[in-house]
């Protein structure tokens, strides 16, 4: 069975980057506790593109925002689906998802599951 990847792209206010890093560090532990084989959270650095659409444009990020590109790898889609159910039920998630203090606008986040096409 090939691995399965959950991917995320989101614009994040620059002022929230330190808080987001703390949240992502905690989320990494939770995801791995529930079966993620690998977990990455990256902040855009070199996003200007002369020959293609930029991540900044794709994420509709403003001048006061950075782009987060993140993914988690699972053994299979079934493992990912089971993990996501367990992650959302994990009591450690509640303080990371305070609706009164959102770090970013979830409605502007892109998320999807991906079958691996090529990996070496």
PDB file of N, CA and C in Angstrom:
ATOM      1  N   UNK A   1       0.842  -1.180   0.000  1.00  0.00           N
ATOM      2  CA  UNK A   1       0.000   0.000   0.000  1.00  0.00           C
ATOM      3  C   UNK A   1       0.889   1.246   0.000  1.00  0.00           C
ATOM      4  N   UNK A   2       0.572   2.225  -0.808  1.00  0.00           N
ATOM      5  CA  UNK A   2       1.340   3.465  -0.880  1.00  0.00           C
ATOM      6  C   UNK A   2       0.945   4.410   0.255  1.00  0.00           C
ATOM      7  N   UNK A   3       1.872   5.229   0.683  1.00  0.00           N
ATOM      8  CA  UNK A   3       1.531   6.234   1.703  1.00  0.00           C
ATOM      9  C   UNK A   3       0.471   7.201   1.189  1.00  0.00           C
ATOM     10  N   UNK A   4      -0.127   7.926   2.090  1.00  0.00           N
ATOM     11  CA  UNK A   4      -1.155   8.903   1.772  1.00  0.00           C
ATOM     12  C   UNK A   4      -0.771  10.215   2.442  1.00  0.00           C
ATOM     13  N   UNK A   5      -1.005  11.329   1.768  1.00  0.00           N
ATOM     14  CA  UNK A   5      -0.568  12.628   2.269  1.00  0.00           C
ATOM     15  C   UNK A   5      -1.763  13.564   2.430  1.00  0.00           C
ATOM     16  N   UNK A   6      -1.846  14.202   3.581  1.00  0.00           N
ATOM     17  CA  UNK A   6      -2.779  15.302   3.809  1.00  0.00           C
ATOM     18  C   UNK A   6      -1.998  16.584   3.591  1.00  0.00           C
ATOM     19  N   UNK A   7      -2.488  17.476   2.740  1.00  0.00           N
ATOM     20  CA  UNK A   7      -1.784  18.720   2.455  1.00  0.00           C
ATOM     21  C   UNK A   7      -2.618  19.938   2.807  1.00  0.00           C
ATOM     22  N   UNK A   8      -1.918  21.010   3.174  1.00  0.00           N
ATOM     23  CA  UNK A   8      -2.557  22.255   3.589  1.00  0.00           C
ATOM     24  C   UNK A   8      -1.783  23.444   3.028  1.00  0.00           C
ATOM     25  N   UNK A   9      -2.484  24.469   2.594  1.00  0.00           N
ATOM     26  CA  UNK A   9      -1.893  25.756   2.252  1.00  0.00           C
ATOM     27  C   UNK A   9      -2.798  26.812   2.861  1.00  0.00           C
ATOM     28  N   UNK A  10      -2.200  27.779   3.560  1.00  0.00           N
ATOM     29  CA  UNK A  10      -3.009  28.818   4.183  1.00  0.00           C
ATOM     30  C   UNK A  10      -2.235  30.115   4.327  1.00  0.00           C
ATOM     31  N   UNK A  11      -2.946  31.244   4.206  1.00  0.00           N
ATOM     32  CA  UNK A  11      -2.325  32.522   4.516  1.00  0.00           C
ATOM     33  C   UNK A  11      -2.420  32.760   6.023  1.00  0.00           C
ATOM     34  N   UNK A  12      -1.351  33.288   6.585  1.00  0.00           N
ATOM     35  CA  UNK A  12      -1.271  33.512   8.032  1.00  0.00           C
ATOM     36  C   UNK A  12      -0.791  34.933   8.287  1.00  0.00           C
ATOM     37  N   UNK A  13      -1.491  35.696   9.127  1.00  0.00           N
ATOM     38  CA  UNK A  13      -0.976  37.016   9.474  1.00  0.00           C
ATOM     39  C   UNK A  13       0.437  36.900  10.066  1.00  0.00           C
ATOM     40  N   UNK A  14       1.349  37.730   9.580  1.00  0.00           N
ATOM     41  CA  UNK A  14       2.737  37.683  10.054  1.00  0.00           C
ATOM     42  C   UNK A  14       2.822  37.813  11.569  1.00  0.00           C
ATOM     43  N   UNK A  15       1.945  38.637  12.142  1.00  0.00           N
ATOM     44  CA  UNK A  15       1.976  38.857  13.593  1.00  0.00           C
ATOM     45  C   UNK A  15       1.667  37.574  14.373  1.00  0.00           C
ATOM     46  N   UNK A  16       1.075  36.567  13.719  1.00  0.00           N
ATOM     47  CA  UNK A  16       0.702  35.319  14.397  1.00  0.00           C
ATOM     48  C   UNK A  16       1.702  34.185  14.166  1.00  0.00           C
ATOM     49  N   UNK A  17       2.823  34.467  13.512  1.00  0.00           N
ATOM     50  CA  UNK A  17       3.746  33.390  13.151  1.00  0.00           C
ATOM     51  C   UNK A  17       4.313  32.667  14.375  1.00  0.00           C
ATOM     52  N   UNK A  18       4.716  33.373  15.406  1.00  0.00           N
ATOM     53  CA  UNK A  18       5.277  32.720  16.602  1.00  0.00           C
ATOM     54  C   UNK A  18       4.216  31.850  17.282  1.00  0.00           C
ATOM     55  N   UNK A  19       3.006  32.367  17.396  1.00  0.00           N
ATOM     56  CA  UNK A  19       1.927  31.585  18.011  1.00  0.00           C
ATOM     57  C   UNK A  19       1.576  30.381  17.144  1.00  0.00           C
ATOM     58  N   UNK A  20       1.597  30.563  15.821  1.00  0.00           N
ATOM     59  CA  UNK A  20       1.313  29.451  14.919  1.00  0.00           C
ATOM     60  C   UNK A  20       2.382  28.372  15.052  1.00  0.00           C
ATOM     61  N   UNK A  21       3.645  28.770  15.161  1.00  0.00           N
ATOM     62  CA  UNK A  21       4.718  27.786  15.325  1.00  0.00           C
ATOM     63  C   UNK A  21       4.507  26.965  16.591  1.00  0.00           C
ATOM     64  N   UNK A  22       4.121  27.611  17.684  1.00  0.00           N
ATOM     65  CA  UNK A  22       3.846  26.884  18.930  1.00  0.00           C
ATOM     66  C   UNK A  22       2.682  25.915  18.746  1.00  0.00           C
ATOM     67  N   UNK A  23       1.615  26.369  18.065  1.00  0.00           N
ATOM     68  CA  UNK A  23       0.463  25.515  17.812  1.00  0.00           C
ATOM     69  C   UNK A  23       0.859  24.336  16.922  1.00  0.00           C
ATOM     70  N   UNK A  24       1.638  24.609  15.866  1.00  0.00           N
ATOM     71  CA  UNK A  24       2.049  23.551  14.934  1.00  0.00           C
ATOM     72  C   UNK A  24       2.951  22.532  15.616  1.00  0.00           C
ATOM     73  N   UNK A  25       3.797  22.996  16.529  1.00  0.00           N
ATOM     74  CA  UNK A  25       4.660  22.075  17.277  1.00  0.00           C
ATOM     75  C   UNK A  25       3.816  21.127  18.122  1.00  0.00           C
ATOM     76  N   UNK A  26       2.795  21.658  18.778  1.00  0.00           N
ATOM     77  CA  UNK A  26       1.886  20.816  19.570  1.00  0.00           C
ATOM     78  C   UNK A  26       1.093  19.884  18.650  1.00  0.00           C
ATOM     79  N   UNK A  27       0.631  20.406  17.509  1.00  0.00           N
ATOM     80  CA  UNK A  27      -0.140  19.586  16.570  1.00  0.00           C
ATOM     81  C   UNK A  27       0.704  18.444  16.032  1.00  0.00           C
ATOM     82  N   UNK A  28       1.965  18.690  15.776  1.00  0.00           N
ATOM     83  CA  UNK A  28       2.862  17.639  15.269  1.00  0.00           C
ATOM     84  C   UNK A  28       2.857  16.434  16.210  1.00  0.00           C
ATOM     85  N   UNK A  29       2.972  16.685  17.498  1.00  0.00           N
ATOM     86  CA  UNK A  29       2.977  15.587  18.468  1.00  0.00           C
ATOM     87  C   UNK A  29       1.654  14.826  18.444  1.00  0.00           C
ATOM     88  N   UNK A  30       0.547  15.563  18.337  1.00  0.00           N
ATOM     89  CA  UNK A  30      -0.774  14.923  18.314  1.00  0.00           C
ATOM     90  C   UNK A  30      -0.922  14.079  17.051  1.00  0.00           C
ATOM     91  N   UNK A  31      -0.567  14.641  15.895  1.00  0.00           N
ATOM     92  CA  UNK A  31      -0.678  13.897  14.631  1.00  0.00           C
ATOM     93  C   UNK A  31       0.158  12.621  14.693  1.00  0.00           C
ATOM     94  N   UNK A  32       1.394  12.730  15.196  1.00  0.00           N
ATOM     95  CA  UNK A  32       2.266  11.555  15.253  1.00  0.00           C
ATOM     96  C   UNK A  32       1.740  10.533  16.260  1.00  0.00           C
ATOM     97  N   UNK A  33       1.163  10.995  17.356  1.00  0.00           N
ATOM     98  CA  UNK A  33       0.561  10.065  18.324  1.00  0.00           C
ATOM     99  C   UNK A  33      -0.583   9.277  17.698  1.00  0.00           C
ATOM    100  N   UNK A  34      -1.209   9.837  16.670  1.00  0.00           N
ATOM    101  CA  UNK A  34      -2.344   9.174  16.028  1.00  0.00           C
ATOM    102  C   UNK A  34      -1.988   8.580  14.666  1.00  0.00           C
ATOM    103  N   UNK A  35      -0.707   8.369  14.417  1.00  0.00           N
ATOM    104  CA  UNK A  35      -0.322   7.589  13.252  1.00  0.00           C
ATOM    105  C   UNK A  35       0.380   8.302  12.116  1.00  0.00           C
ATOM    106  N   UNK A  36       0.555   9.619  12.190  1.00  0.00           N
ATOM    107  CA  UNK A  36       1.298  10.289  11.118  1.00  0.00           C
ATOM    108  C   UNK A  36       2.737   9.772  11.118  1.00  0.00           C
ATOM    109  N   UNK A  37       3.220   9.418   9.954  1.00  0.00           N
ATOM    110  CA  UNK A  37       4.588   8.936   9.819  1.00  0.00           C
ATOM    111  C   UNK A  37       5.574  10.093   9.727  1.00  0.00           C
ATOM    112  N   UNK A  38       5.095  11.214   9.211  1.00  0.00           N
ATOM    113  CA  UNK A  38       5.915  12.414   9.082  1.00  0.00           C
ATOM    114  C   UNK A  38       4.985  13.615   9.089  1.00  0.00           C
ATOM    115  N   UNK A  39       5.493  14.750   9.529  1.00  0.00           N
ATOM    116  CA  UNK A  39       4.669  15.952   9.669  1.00  0.00           C
ATOM    117  C   UNK A  39       5.556  17.156   9.391  1.00  0.00           C
ATOM    118  N   UNK A  40       5.149  18.002   8.477  1.00  0.00           N
ATOM    119  CA  UNK A  40       5.911  19.190   8.096  1.00  0.00           C
ATOM    120  C   UNK A  40       5.020  20.419   8.120  1.00  0.00           C
ATOM    121  N   UNK A  41       5.544  21.527   8.627  1.00  0.00           N
ATOM    122  CA  UNK A  41       4.915  22.852   8.547  1.00  0.00           C
ATOM    123  C   UNK A  41       6.003  23.793   8.053  1.00  0.00           C
ATOM    124  N   UNK A  42       5.779  24.444   6.930  1.00  0.00           N
ATOM    125  CA  UNK A  42       6.788  25.315   6.329  1.00  0.00           C
ATOM    126  C   UNK A  42       6.189  26.692   6.081  1.00  0.00           C
ATOM    127  N   UNK A  43       7.040  27.726   6.231  1.00  0.00           N
ATOM    128  CA  UNK A  43       6.613  29.101   5.966  1.00  0.00           C
ATOM    129  C   UNK A  43       7.291  29.573   4.683  1.00  0.00           C
ATOM    130  N   UNK A  44       6.500  30.200   3.824  1.00  0.00           N
ATOM    131  CA  UNK A  44       7.010  30.654   2.543  1.00  0.00           C
ATOM    132  C   UNK A  44       8.178  31.618   2.695  1.00  0.00           C
ATOM    133  N   UNK A  45       9.172  31.447   1.835  1.00  0.00           N
ATOM    134  CA  UNK A  45      10.356  32.292   1.864  1.00  0.00           C
ATOM    135  C   UNK A  45      10.639  32.875   0.482  1.00  0.00           C
ATOM    136  N   UNK A  46      10.627  32.058  -0.533  1.00  0.00           N
ATOM    137  CA  UNK A  46      10.937  32.478  -1.900  1.00  0.00           C
ATOM    138  C   UNK A  46       9.741  32.118  -2.772  1.00  0.00           C
ATOM    139  N   UNK A  47       8.734  32.983  -2.767  1.00  0.00           N
ATOM    140  CA  UNK A  47       7.472  32.630  -3.412  1.00  0.00           C
ATOM    141  C   UNK A  47       7.212  33.364  -4.716  1.00  0.00           C
ATOM    142  N   UNK A  48       8.055  34.301  -5.069  1.00  0.00           N
ATOM    143  CA  UNK A  48       7.874  34.998  -6.340  1.00  0.00           C
ATOM    144  C   UNK A  48       8.181  34.026  -7.465  1.00  0.00           C
ATOM    145  N   UNK A  49       7.356  34.057  -8.490  1.00  0.00           N
ATOM    146  CA  UNK A  49       7.556  33.151  -9.612  1.00  0.00           C
ATOM    147  C   UNK A  49       7.298  33.888 -10.917  1.00  0.00           C
ATOM    148  N   UNK A  50       8.269  33.820 -11.797  1.00  0.00           N
ATOM    149  CA  UNK A  50       8.155  34.482 -13.086  1.00  0.00           C
ATOM    150  C   UNK A  50       7.404  33.608 -14.094  1.00  0.00           C
ATOM    151  N   UNK A  51       7.431  32.295 -13.878  1.00  0.00           N
ATOM    152  CA  UNK A  51       6.925  31.376 -14.906  1.00  0.00           C
ATOM    153  C   UNK A  51       5.673  30.596 -14.496  1.00  0.00           C
ATOM    154  N   UNK A  52       5.175  30.851 -13.301  1.00  0.00           N
ATOM    155  CA  UNK A  52       3.969  30.150 -12.859  1.00  0.00           C
ATOM    156  C   UNK A  52       3.252  31.002 -11.818  1.00  0.00           C
ATOM    157  N   UNK A  53       2.098  30.572 -11.464  1.00  0.00           N
ATOM    158  CA  UNK A  53       1.341  31.250 -10.418  1.00  0.00           C
ATOM    159  C   UNK A  53       2.073  31.069  -9.100  1.00  0.00           C
ATOM    160  N   UNK A  54       2.180  32.116  -8.318  1.00  0.00           N
ATOM    161  CA  UNK A  54       2.907  32.026  -7.050  1.00  0.00           C
ATOM    162  C   UNK A  54       2.000  31.484  -5.943  1.00  0.00           C
ATOM    163  N   UNK A  55       2.624  30.933  -4.923  1.00  0.00           N
ATOM    164  CA  UNK A  55       1.865  30.486  -3.753  1.00  0.00           C
ATOM    165  C   UNK A  55       1.177  31.686  -3.096  1.00  0.00           C
ATOM    166  N   UNK A  56       1.812  32.849  -3.112  1.00  0.00           N
ATOM    167  CA  UNK A  56       1.207  34.041  -2.523  1.00  0.00           C
ATOM    168  C   UNK A  56      -0.112  34.352  -3.223  1.00  0.00           C
ATOM    169  N   UNK A  57      -0.092  34.303  -4.539  1.00  0.00           N
ATOM    170  CA  UNK A  57      -1.295  34.544  -5.327  1.00  0.00           C
ATOM    171  C   UNK A  57      -2.328  33.444  -5.087  1.00  0.00           C
ATOM    172  N   UNK A  58      -1.872  32.197  -5.118  1.00  0.00           N
ATOM    173  CA  UNK A  58      -2.779  31.069  -4.932  1.00  0.00           C
ATOM    174  C   UNK A  58      -3.481  31.130  -3.569  1.00  0.00           C
ATOM    175  N   UNK A  59      -2.731  31.534  -2.537  1.00  0.00           N
ATOM    176  CA  UNK A  59      -3.301  31.603  -1.189  1.00  0.00           C
ATOM    177  C   UNK A  59      -4.002  32.937  -0.938  1.00  0.00           C
ATOM    178  N   UNK A  60      -3.965  33.830  -1.925  1.00  0.00           N
ATOM    179  CA  UNK A  60      -4.536  35.168  -1.788  1.00  0.00           C
ATOM    180  C   UNK A  60      -4.005  35.854  -0.527  1.00  0.00           C
ATOM    181  N   UNK A  61      -2.676  35.726  -0.316  1.00  0.00           N
ATOM    182  CA  UNK A  61      -2.026  36.298   0.859  1.00  0.00           C
ATOM    183  C   UNK A  61      -1.724  37.773   0.627  1.00  0.00           C
ATOM    184  N   UNK A  62      -2.023  38.579   1.636  1.00  0.00           N
ATOM    185  CA  UNK A  62      -1.737  40.009   1.564  1.00  0.00           C
ATOM    186  C   UNK A  62      -0.320  40.322   2.007  1.00  0.00           C
ATOM    187  N   UNK A  63       0.041  41.588   1.945  1.00  0.00           N
ATOM    188  CA  UNK A  63       1.383  42.027   2.333  1.00  0.00           C
ATOM    189  C   UNK A  63       1.689  41.751   3.804  1.00  0.00           C
ATOM    190  N   UNK A  64       0.661  41.684   4.623  1.00  0.00           N
ATOM    191  CA  UNK A  64       0.848  41.454   6.061  1.00  0.00           C
ATOM    192  C   UNK A  64       0.725  39.962   6.424  1.00  0.00           C
ATOM    193  N   UNK A  65       0.783  39.084   5.398  1.00  0.00           N
ATOM    194  CA  UNK A  65       0.624  37.645   5.621  1.00  0.00           C
ATOM    195  C   UNK A  65       1.791  36.855   5.040  1.00  0.00           C
ATOM    196  N   UNK A  66       2.005  35.680   5.614  1.00  0.00           N
ATOM    197  CA  UNK A  66       2.933  34.693   5.074  1.00  0.00           C
ATOM    198  C   UNK A  66       2.106  33.499   4.614  1.00  0.00           C
ATOM    199  N   UNK A  67       2.709  32.643   3.803  1.00  0.00           N
ATOM    200  CA  UNK A  67       2.021  31.445   3.332  1.00  0.00           C
ATOM    201  C   UNK A  67       2.602  30.237   4.052  1.00  0.00           C
ATOM    202  N   UNK A  68       1.723  29.432   4.624  1.00  0.00           N
ATOM    203  CA  UNK A  68       2.101  28.169   5.264  1.00  0.00           C
ATOM    204  C   UNK A  68       1.781  27.036   4.297  1.00  0.00           C
ATOM    205  N   UNK A  69       2.751  26.157   4.116  1.00  0.00           N
ATOM    206  CA  UNK A  69       2.622  24.969   3.273  1.00  0.00           C
ATOM    207  C   UNK A  69       2.937  23.801   4.199  1.00  0.00           C
ATOM    208  N   UNK A  70       1.976  22.909   4.402  1.00  0.00           N
ATOM    209  CA  UNK A  70       2.141  21.852   5.390  1.00  0.00           C
ATOM    210  C   UNK A  70       1.601  20.534   4.871  1.00  0.00           C
ATOM    211  N   UNK A  71       2.141  19.440   5.418  1.00  0.00           N
ATOM    212  CA  UNK A  71       1.635  18.132   5.052  1.00  0.00           C
ATOM    213  C   UNK A  71       1.971  17.113   6.128  1.00  0.00           C
ATOM    214  N   UNK A  72       1.156  16.086   6.181  1.00  0.00           N
ATOM    215  CA  UNK A  72       1.367  14.943   7.067  1.00  0.00           C
ATOM    216  C   UNK A  72       1.263  13.684   6.215  1.00  0.00           C
ATOM    217  N   UNK A  73       2.127  12.728   6.493  1.00  0.00           N
ATOM    218  CA  UNK A  73       2.176  11.481   5.724  1.00  0.00           C
ATOM    219  C   UNK A  73       1.639  10.354   6.592  1.00  0.00           C
ATOM    220  N   UNK A  74       0.792   9.523   6.007  1.00  0.00           N
ATOM    221  CA  UNK A  74       0.206   8.371   6.693  1.00  0.00           C
ATOM    222  C   UNK A  74       0.475   7.102   5.895  1.00  0.00           C
ATOM    223  N   UNK A  75       0.344   5.969   6.515  1.00  0.00           N
ATOM    224  CA  UNK A  75       0.589   4.687   5.856  1.00  0.00           C
ATOM    225  C   UNK A  75      -0.390   4.433   4.712  1.00  0.00           C
ATOM    226  N   UNK A  76      -1.603   4.966   4.833  1.00  0.00           N
ATOM    227  CA  UNK A  76      -2.639   4.743   3.818  1.00  0.00           C
ATOM    228  C   UNK A  76      -3.757   5.770   4.031  1.00  0.00           C
ATOM    229  N   UNK A  77      -4.687   5.818   3.094  1.00  0.00           N
ATOM    230  CA  UNK A  77      -5.835   6.706   3.280  1.00  0.00           C
ATOM    231  C   UNK A  77      -6.656   6.260   4.485  1.00  0.00           C
ATOM    232  N   UNK A  78      -6.790   4.955   4.642  1.00  0.00           N
ATOM    233  CA  UNK A  78      -7.551   4.438   5.789  1.00  0.00           C
ATOM    234  C   UNK A  78      -6.907   4.868   7.108  1.00  0.00           C
ATOM    235  N   UNK A  79      -5.573   4.816   7.165  1.00  0.00           N
ATOM    236  CA  UNK A  79      -4.856   5.252   8.371  1.00  0.00           C
ATOM    237  C   UNK A  79      -5.063   6.745   8.588  1.00  0.00           C
ATOM    238  N   UNK A  80      -5.044   7.519   7.486  1.00  0.00           N
ATOM    239  CA  UNK A  80      -5.287   8.968   7.585  1.00  0.00           C
ATOM    240  C   UNK A  80      -6.694   9.252   8.099  1.00  0.00           C
ATOM    241  N   UNK A  81      -7.693   8.561   7.531  1.00  0.00           N
ATOM    242  CA  UNK A  81      -9.076   8.789   7.946  1.00  0.00           C
ATOM    243  C   UNK A  81      -9.269   8.470   9.424  1.00  0.00           C
ATOM    244  N   UNK A  82      -8.716   7.351   9.872  1.00  0.00           N
ATOM    245  CA  UNK A  82      -8.818   6.967  11.289  1.00  0.00           C
ATOM    246  C   UNK A  82      -8.085   7.976  12.165  1.00  0.00           C
ATOM    247  N   UNK A  83      -6.917   8.412  11.725  1.00  0.00           N
ATOM    248  CA  UNK A  83      -6.139   9.391  12.491  1.00  0.00           C
ATOM    249  C   UNK A  83      -6.898  10.705  12.617  1.00  0.00           C
ATOM    250  N   UNK A  84      -7.482  11.191  11.515  1.00  0.00           N
ATOM    251  CA  UNK A  84      -8.200  12.466  11.575  1.00  0.00           C
ATOM    252  C   UNK A  84      -9.382  12.409  12.531  1.00  0.00           C
ATOM    253  N   UNK A  85     -10.075  11.288  12.576  1.00  0.00           N
ATOM    254  CA  UNK A  85     -11.170  11.127  13.531  1.00  0.00           C
ATOM    255  C   UNK A  85     -10.629  11.186  14.954  1.00  0.00           C
ATOM    256  N   UNK A  86      -9.545  10.476  15.218  1.00  0.00           N
ATOM    257  CA  UNK A  86      -8.942  10.458  16.558  1.00  0.00           C
ATOM    258  C   UNK A  86      -8.357  11.818  16.926  1.00  0.00           C
ATOM    259  N   UNK A  87      -7.743  12.487  15.969  1.00  0.00           N
ATOM    260  CA  UNK A  87      -7.149  13.804  16.224  1.00  0.00           C
ATOM    261  C   UNK A  87      -8.223  14.801  16.638  1.00  0.00           C
ATOM    262  N   UNK A  88      -9.329  14.829  15.919  1.00  0.00           N
ATOM    263  CA  UNK A  88     -10.396  15.781  16.243  1.00  0.00           C
ATOM    264  C   UNK A  88     -11.041  15.474  17.591  1.00  0.00           C
ATOM    265  N   UNK A  89     -10.971  14.232  18.047  1.00  0.00           N
ATOM    266  CA  UNK A  89     -11.532  13.853  19.352  1.00  0.00           C
ATOM    267  C   UNK A  89     -10.515  14.011  20.480  1.00  0.00           C
ATOM    268  N   UNK A  90      -9.268  14.244  20.158  1.00  0.00           N
ATOM    269  CA  UNK A  90      -8.202  14.341  21.155  1.00  0.00           C
ATOM    270  C   UNK A  90      -8.373  15.625  21.964  1.00  0.00           C
ATOM    271  N   UNK A  91      -8.415  15.496  23.274  1.00  0.00           N
ATOM    272  CA  UNK A  91      -8.636  16.648  24.149  1.00  0.00           C
ATOM    273  C   UNK A  91      -7.523  17.698  24.041  1.00  0.00           C
ATOM    274  N   UNK A  92      -6.365  17.317  23.567  1.00  0.00           N
ATOM    275  CA  UNK A  92      -5.266  18.276  23.405  1.00  0.00           C
ATOM    276  C   UNK A  92      -5.526  19.258  22.263  1.00  0.00           C
ATOM    277  N   UNK A  93      -6.493  18.955  21.410  1.00  0.00           N
ATOM    278  CA  UNK A  93      -6.798  19.841  20.280  1.00  0.00           C
ATOM    279  C   UNK A  93      -7.582  21.086  20.701  1.00  0.00           C
ATOM    280  N   UNK A  94      -8.395  20.975  21.739  1.00  0.00           N
ATOM    281  CA  UNK A  94      -9.268  22.095  22.133  1.00  0.00           C
ATOM    282  C   UNK A  94      -8.512  23.407  22.323  1.00  0.00           C
ATOM    283  N   UNK A  95      -7.408  23.426  23.085  1.00  0.00           N
ATOM    284  CA  UNK A  95      -6.731  24.717  23.243  1.00  0.00           C
ATOM    285  C   UNK A  95      -6.049  25.219  21.968  1.00  0.00           C
ATOM    286  N   UNK A  96      -5.845  24.341  21.006  1.00  0.00           N
ATOM    287  CA  UNK A  96      -5.218  24.753  19.755  1.00  0.00           C
ATOM    288  C   UNK A  96      -6.219  25.358  18.779  1.00  0.00           C
ATOM    289  N   UNK A  97      -7.503  25.155  19.046  1.00  0.00           N
ATOM    290  CA  UNK A  97      -8.562  25.601  18.126  1.00  0.00           C
ATOM    291  C   UNK A  97      -9.537  26.556  18.804  1.00  0.00           C
ATOM    292  N   UNK A  98      -9.038  27.495  19.605  1.00  0.00           N
ATOM    293  CA  UNK A  98      -9.883  28.443  20.320  1.00  0.00           C
ATOM    294  C   UNK A  98     -10.615  29.339  19.313  1.00  0.00           C
ATOM    295  N   UNK A  99     -11.941  29.192  19.198  1.00  0.00           N
ATOM    296  CA  UNK A  99     -12.678  29.989  18.205  1.00  0.00           C
ATOM    297  C   UNK A  99     -12.662  31.486  18.519  1.00  0.00           C
ATOM    298  N   UNK A 100     -12.360  31.855  19.765  1.00  0.00           N
ATOM    299  CA  UNK A 100     -12.301  33.265  20.135  1.00  0.00           C
ATOM    300  C   UNK A 100     -10.942  33.891  19.817  1.00  0.00           C
ATOM    301  N   UNK A 101      -9.934  33.057  19.521  1.00  0.00           N
ATOM    302  CA  UNK A 101      -8.592  33.554  19.214  1.00  0.00           C
ATOM    303  C   UNK A 101      -8.001  32.805  18.027  1.00  0.00           C
ATOM    304  N   UNK A 102      -8.660  32.868  16.869  1.00  0.00           N
ATOM    305  CA  UNK A 102      -8.131  32.136  15.719  1.00  0.00           C
ATOM    306  C   UNK A 102      -6.818  32.761  15.216  1.00  0.00           C
ATOM    307  N   UNK A 103      -5.867  31.917  14.876  1.00  0.00           N
ATOM    308  CA  UNK A 103      -4.586  32.391  14.351  1.00  0.00           C
ATOM    309  C   UNK A 103      -4.663  32.691  12.863  1.00  0.00           C
ATOM    310  N   UNK A 104      -5.625  32.060  12.175  1.00  0.00           N
ATOM    311  CA  UNK A 104      -5.817  32.261  10.748  1.00  0.00           C
ATOM    312  C   UNK A 104      -7.270  31.979  10.417  1.00  0.00           C
ATOM    313  N   UNK A 105      -7.670  32.352   9.222  1.00  0.00           N
ATOM    314  CA  UNK A 105      -9.037  32.161   8.763  1.00  0.00           C
ATOM    315  C   UNK A 105      -9.148  30.792   8.087  1.00  0.00           C
ATOM    316  N   UNK A 106      -9.788  29.848   8.754  1.00  0.00           N
ATOM    317  CA  UNK A 106      -9.920  28.480   8.229  1.00  0.00           C
ATOM    318  C   UNK A 106     -10.610  28.454   6.862  1.00  0.00           C
ATOM    319  N   UNK A 107     -11.471  29.416   6.592  1.00  0.00           N
ATOM    320  CA  UNK A 107     -12.175  29.444   5.312  1.00  0.00           C
ATOM    321  C   UNK A 107     -11.245  29.792   4.156  1.00  0.00           C
ATOM    322  N   UNK A 108     -10.052  30.310   4.466  1.00  0.00           N
ATOM    323  CA  UNK A 108      -9.068  30.638   3.424  1.00  0.00           C
ATOM    324  C   UNK A 108      -8.020  29.541   3.285  1.00  0.00           C
ATOM    325  N   UNK A 109      -8.098  28.524   4.103  1.00  0.00           N
ATOM    326  CA  UNK A 109      -7.149  27.410   4.049  1.00  0.00           C
ATOM    327  C   UNK A 109      -7.600  26.414   2.986  1.00  0.00           C
ATOM    328  N   UNK A 110      -6.634  25.907   2.221  1.00  0.00           N
ATOM    329  CA  UNK A 110      -6.910  24.814   1.293  1.00  0.00           C
ATOM    330  C   UNK A 110      -6.392  23.533   1.923  1.00  0.00           C
ATOM    331  N   UNK A 111      -7.155  22.462   1.820  1.00  0.00           N
ATOM    332  CA  UNK A 111      -6.779  21.180   2.416  1.00  0.00           C
ATOM    333  C   UNK A 111      -7.239  20.069   1.492  1.00  0.00           C
ATOM    334  N   UNK A 112      -6.450  19.018   1.430  1.00  0.00           N
ATOM    335  CA  UNK A 112      -6.871  17.871   0.642  1.00  0.00           C
ATOM    336  C   UNK A 112      -6.001  16.662   0.913  1.00  0.00           C
ATOM    337  N   UNK A 113      -6.518  15.495   0.562  1.00  0.00           N
ATOM    338  CA  UNK A 113      -5.783  14.246   0.667  1.00  0.00           C
ATOM    339  C   UNK A 113      -5.220  13.871  -0.693  1.00  0.00           C
ATOM    340  N   UNK A 114      -4.008  13.323  -0.679  1.00  0.00           N
ATOM    341  CA  UNK A 114      -3.308  13.046  -1.927  1.00  0.00           C
ATOM    342  C   UNK A 114      -2.730  11.639  -1.945  1.00  0.00           C
ATOM    343  N   UNK A 115      -2.978  10.924  -3.038  1.00  0.00           N
ATOM    344  CA  UNK A 115      -2.272   9.676  -3.305  1.00  0.00           C
ATOM    345  C   UNK A 115      -0.866  10.015  -3.775  1.00  0.00           C
ATOM    346  N   UNK A 116       0.104   9.229  -3.352  1.00  0.00           N
ATOM    347  CA  UNK A 116       1.482   9.457  -3.774  1.00  0.00           C
ATOM    348  C   UNK A 116       1.637   8.979  -5.218  1.00  0.00           C
ATOM    349  N   UNK A 117       2.146   9.862  -6.051  1.00  0.00           N
ATOM    350  CA  UNK A 117       2.385   9.536  -7.457  1.00  0.00           C
ATOM    351  C   UNK A 117       3.830   9.101  -7.671  1.00  0.00           C
ATOM    352  N   UNK A 118       4.768   9.869  -7.097  1.00  0.00           N
ATOM    353  CA  UNK A 118       6.194   9.553  -7.194  1.00  0.00           C
ATOM    354  C   UNK A 118       6.844   9.869  -5.861  1.00  0.00           C
ATOM    355  N   UNK A 119       7.682   8.982  -5.374  1.00  0.00           N
ATOM    356  CA  UNK A 119       8.476   9.219  -4.164  1.00  0.00           C
ATOM    357  C   UNK A 119       9.712   8.359  -4.241  1.00  0.00           C
ATOM    358  N   UNK A 120      10.815   8.930  -3.860  1.00  0.00           N
ATOM    359  CA  UNK A 120      12.064   8.169  -3.881  1.00  0.00           C
ATOM    360  C   UNK A 120      12.715   8.212  -2.514  1.00  0.00           C
TER     361      UNK A 120
END
